[in-house]
Amino acid sequence: MVRLDIEQAVLHVDNNTVELTPMQCRGLRALCSRPGRWVRHSTLATVLWGDRESPYMHQICDLMHRLRARMVAAGVARDRARRMVQCRRGIGYRISASEDVRIWPCSLDSVVV
């Protein structure tokens, strides 16, 4: 089982725990607020960098790549990590709504995107 703890900014996989960076945690919170639904690149840019000038697309892609790498470091198979954090070119990212991922806390009503 994989558990993403967005309050503590850690990823739990079985008995392994990996810390997330503040930026990875903010990106993860944005994705977790809409499990199974696409979050546009522009929305992620606003969540991650605020009102500053939007970053290049590759910065968001790089952040998500590093988030998946943290998942792999915690013991998630690489292909499974790609299924959990999915990308659609020209649209954005989403976190899988499958039963592979448990999000903690379960209620994300306080997460604003």
C-alpha atoms as a PDB file:
ATOM      1  CA  MET A   1       0.000   0.000   0.000  1.00  0.00           C
ATOM      2  CA  VAL A   2       1.107   3.556  -0.766  1.00  0.00           C
ATOM      3  CA  ARG A   3       0.080   6.378   1.547  1.00  0.00           C
ATOM      4  CA  LEU A   4       0.711  10.010   0.741  1.00  0.00           C
ATOM      5  CA  ASP A   5       0.686  12.069   3.931  1.00  0.00           C
ATOM      6  CA  ILE A   6       0.188  15.630   2.733  1.00  0.00           C
ATOM      7  CA  GLU A   7       0.250  17.120   6.234  1.00  0.00           C
ATOM      8  CA  GLN A   8       3.646  15.661   7.142  1.00  0.00           C
ATOM      9  CA  ALA A   9       4.976  15.857   3.548  1.00  0.00           C
ATOM     10  CA  VAL A  10       6.009  12.198   3.540  1.00  0.00           C
ATOM     11  CA  LEU A  11       5.372   9.193   1.367  1.00  0.00           C
ATOM     12  CA  HIS A  12       4.820   5.805   3.038  1.00  0.00           C
ATOM     13  CA  VAL A  13       5.277   2.606   1.034  1.00  0.00           C
ATOM     14  CA  ASP A  14       4.870  -0.530   3.130  1.00  0.00           C
ATOM     15  CA  ASN A  15       7.544   0.021   5.818  1.00  0.00           C
ATOM     16  CA  ASN A  16       9.504   2.701   3.933  1.00  0.00           C
ATOM     17  CA  THR A  17       9.097   6.451   4.362  1.00  0.00           C
ATOM     18  CA  VAL A  18      10.460   9.184   2.104  1.00  0.00           C
ATOM     19  CA  GLU A  19      10.228  12.913   2.802  1.00  0.00           C
ATOM     20  CA  LEU A  20       8.922  15.263   0.136  1.00  0.00           C
ATOM     21  CA  THR A  21      10.220  18.764  -0.558  1.00  0.00           C
ATOM     22  CA  PRO A  22       7.852  21.665   0.149  1.00  0.00           C
ATOM     23  CA  MET A  23       7.394  22.179  -3.607  1.00  0.00           C
ATOM     24  CA  GLN A  24       6.624  18.477  -4.169  1.00  0.00           C
ATOM     25  CA  CYS A  25       4.154  18.602  -1.304  1.00  0.00           C
ATOM     26  CA  ARG A  26       2.364  21.647  -2.760  1.00  0.00           C
ATOM     27  CA  GLY A  27       2.154  19.941  -6.154  1.00  0.00           C
ATOM     28  CA  LEU A  28       0.907  16.768  -4.533  1.00  0.00           C
ATOM     29  CA  ARG A  29      -1.735  18.682  -2.564  1.00  0.00           C
ATOM     30  CA  ALA A  30      -2.993  20.224  -5.796  1.00  0.00           C
ATOM     31  CA  LEU A  31      -3.279  16.804  -7.436  1.00  0.00           C
ATOM     32  CA  CYS A  32      -4.813  15.169  -4.359  1.00  0.00           C
ATOM     33  CA  SER A  33      -7.516  17.815  -4.176  1.00  0.00           C
ATOM     34  CA  ARG A  34      -8.940  16.367  -7.416  1.00  0.00           C
ATOM     35  CA  PRO A  35      -8.106  12.642  -7.533  1.00  0.00           C
ATOM     36  CA  GLY A  36      -8.674  11.186 -10.972  1.00  0.00           C
ATOM     37  CA  ARG A  37      -9.218  14.629 -12.539  1.00  0.00           C
ATOM     38  CA  TRP A  38      -6.716  16.608 -14.588  1.00  0.00           C
ATOM     39  CA  VAL A  39      -5.050  19.642 -13.024  1.00  0.00           C
ATOM     40  CA  ARG A  40      -3.907  22.060 -15.707  1.00  0.00           C
ATOM     41  CA  HIS A  41      -0.309  23.214 -15.968  1.00  0.00           C
ATOM     42  CA  SER A  42      -1.428  26.816 -15.385  1.00  0.00           C
ATOM     43  CA  THR A  43      -3.212  25.825 -12.156  1.00  0.00           C
ATOM     44  CA  LEU A  44      -0.139  23.933 -10.953  1.00  0.00           C
ATOM     45  CA  ALA A  45       2.057  26.936 -11.770  1.00  0.00           C
ATOM     46  CA  THR A  46      -0.175  29.200  -9.671  1.00  0.00           C
ATOM     47  CA  VAL A  47      -0.204  26.735  -6.761  1.00  0.00           C
ATOM     48  CA  LEU A  48       3.561  26.203  -6.916  1.00  0.00           C
ATOM     49  CA  TRP A  49       4.852  29.697  -7.664  1.00  0.00           C
ATOM     50  CA  GLY A  50       1.952  31.967  -6.735  1.00  0.00           C
ATOM     51  CA  ASP A  51       1.532  35.213  -8.618  1.00  0.00           C
ATOM     52  CA  ARG A  52       5.069  35.215  -9.952  1.00  0.00           C
ATOM     53  CA  GLU A  53       5.667  34.866 -13.645  1.00  0.00           C
ATOM     54  CA  SER A  54       4.723  31.393 -14.842  1.00  0.00           C
ATOM     55  CA  PRO A  55       7.673  29.029 -15.126  1.00  0.00           C
ATOM     56  CA  TYR A  56       8.571  27.140 -18.205  1.00  0.00           C
ATOM     57  CA  MET A  57       6.637  23.919 -18.686  1.00  0.00           C
ATOM     58  CA  HIS A  58       9.775  21.872 -18.138  1.00  0.00           C
ATOM     59  CA  GLN A  59       9.983  23.044 -14.514  1.00  0.00           C
ATOM     60  CA  ILE A  60       6.596  21.488 -13.749  1.00  0.00           C
ATOM     61  CA  CYS A  61       7.555  18.330 -15.663  1.00  0.00           C
ATOM     62  CA  ASP A  62      10.833  18.151 -13.747  1.00  0.00           C
ATOM     63  CA  LEU A  63       9.031  18.555 -10.419  1.00  0.00           C
ATOM     64  CA  MET A  64       6.645  15.706 -11.223  1.00  0.00           C
ATOM     65  CA  HIS A  65       9.543  13.564 -12.423  1.00  0.00           C
ATOM     66  CA  ARG A  66      11.316  14.119  -9.087  1.00  0.00           C
ATOM     67  CA  LEU A  67       8.083  13.296  -7.222  1.00  0.00           C
ATOM     68  CA  ARG A  68       7.848   9.986  -9.087  1.00  0.00           C
ATOM     69  CA  ALA A  69      11.543   9.356  -8.325  1.00  0.00           C
ATOM     70  CA  ARG A  70      10.774   9.802  -4.615  1.00  0.00           C
ATOM     71  CA  MET A  71       8.015   7.220  -4.983  1.00  0.00           C
ATOM     72  CA  VAL A  72      10.466   4.797  -6.588  1.00  0.00           C
ATOM     73  CA  ALA A  73      12.989   5.478  -3.800  1.00  0.00           C
ATOM     74  CA  ALA A  74      10.298   4.495  -1.307  1.00  0.00           C
ATOM     75  CA  GLY A  75       9.776   1.176  -3.059  1.00  0.00           C
ATOM     76  CA  VAL A  76       7.092   1.847  -5.689  1.00  0.00           C
ATOM     77  CA  ALA A  77       7.809   0.197  -9.051  1.00  0.00           C
ATOM     78  CA  ARG A  78       8.672   2.802 -11.711  1.00  0.00           C
ATOM     79  CA  ASP A  79       5.711   1.924 -13.963  1.00  0.00           C
ATOM     80  CA  ARG A  80       3.366   2.027 -10.977  1.00  0.00           C
ATOM     81  CA  ALA A  81       4.662   5.494 -10.025  1.00  0.00           C
ATOM     82  CA  ARG A  82       3.896   6.668 -13.569  1.00  0.00           C
ATOM     83  CA  ARG A  83       0.362   5.277 -13.252  1.00  0.00           C
ATOM     84  CA  MET A  84      -0.126   7.093  -9.941  1.00  0.00           C
ATOM     85  CA  VAL A  85       1.079  10.507 -11.142  1.00  0.00           C
ATOM     86  CA  GLN A  86      -0.106  10.722 -14.721  1.00  0.00           C
ATOM     87  CA  CYS A  87       0.710  13.300 -17.376  1.00  0.00           C
ATOM     88  CA  ARG A  88      -1.241  14.312 -20.446  1.00  0.00           C
ATOM     89  CA  ARG A  89       0.681  16.545 -22.831  1.00  0.00           C
ATOM     90  CA  GLY A  90      -1.003  19.914 -23.277  1.00  0.00           C
ATOM     91  CA  ILE A  91      -3.403  19.355 -20.375  1.00  0.00           C
ATOM     92  CA  GLY A  92      -1.595  18.730 -17.103  1.00  0.00           C
ATOM     93  CA  TYR A  93      -1.268  16.093 -14.401  1.00  0.00           C
ATOM     94  CA  ARG A  94      -3.508  13.997 -12.217  1.00  0.00           C
ATOM     95  CA  ILE A  95      -3.116  11.580  -9.367  1.00  0.00           C
ATOM     96  CA  SER A  96      -4.713   8.201  -9.902  1.00  0.00           C
ATOM     97  CA  ALA A  97      -8.001   7.616  -8.161  1.00  0.00           C
ATOM     98  CA  SER A  98      -7.220   3.899  -8.060  1.00  0.00           C
ATOM     99  CA  GLU A  99      -7.068   1.909  -4.868  1.00  0.00           C
ATOM    100  CA  ASP A 100      -3.262   1.792  -5.160  1.00  0.00           C
ATOM    101  CA  VAL A 101      -2.990   5.174  -3.460  1.00  0.00           C
ATOM    102  CA  ARG A 102      -4.325   6.163  -0.047  1.00  0.00           C
ATOM    103  CA  ILE A 103      -4.263   9.856   0.673  1.00  0.00           C
ATOM    104  CA  TRP A 104      -3.929  11.113   4.232  1.00  0.00           C
ATOM    105  CA  PRO A 105      -5.764  12.981   5.540  1.00  0.00           C
ATOM    106  CA  CYS A 106      -8.797  11.465   3.868  1.00  0.00           C
ATOM    107  CA  SER A 107     -10.736  14.712   3.897  1.00  0.00           C
ATOM    108  CA  LEU A 108      -9.200  17.300   1.607  1.00  0.00           C
ATOM    109  CA  ASP A 109     -11.923  19.922   2.029  1.00  0.00           C
ATOM    110  CA  SER A 110      -9.341  22.390   3.298  1.00  0.00           C
ATOM    111  CA  VAL A 111      -7.179  22.066   0.177  1.00  0.00           C
ATOM    112  CA  VAL A 112      -7.793  24.971  -2.161  1.00  0.00           C
ATOM    113  CA  VAL A 113      -6.611  24.939  -5.760  1.00  0.00           C
END
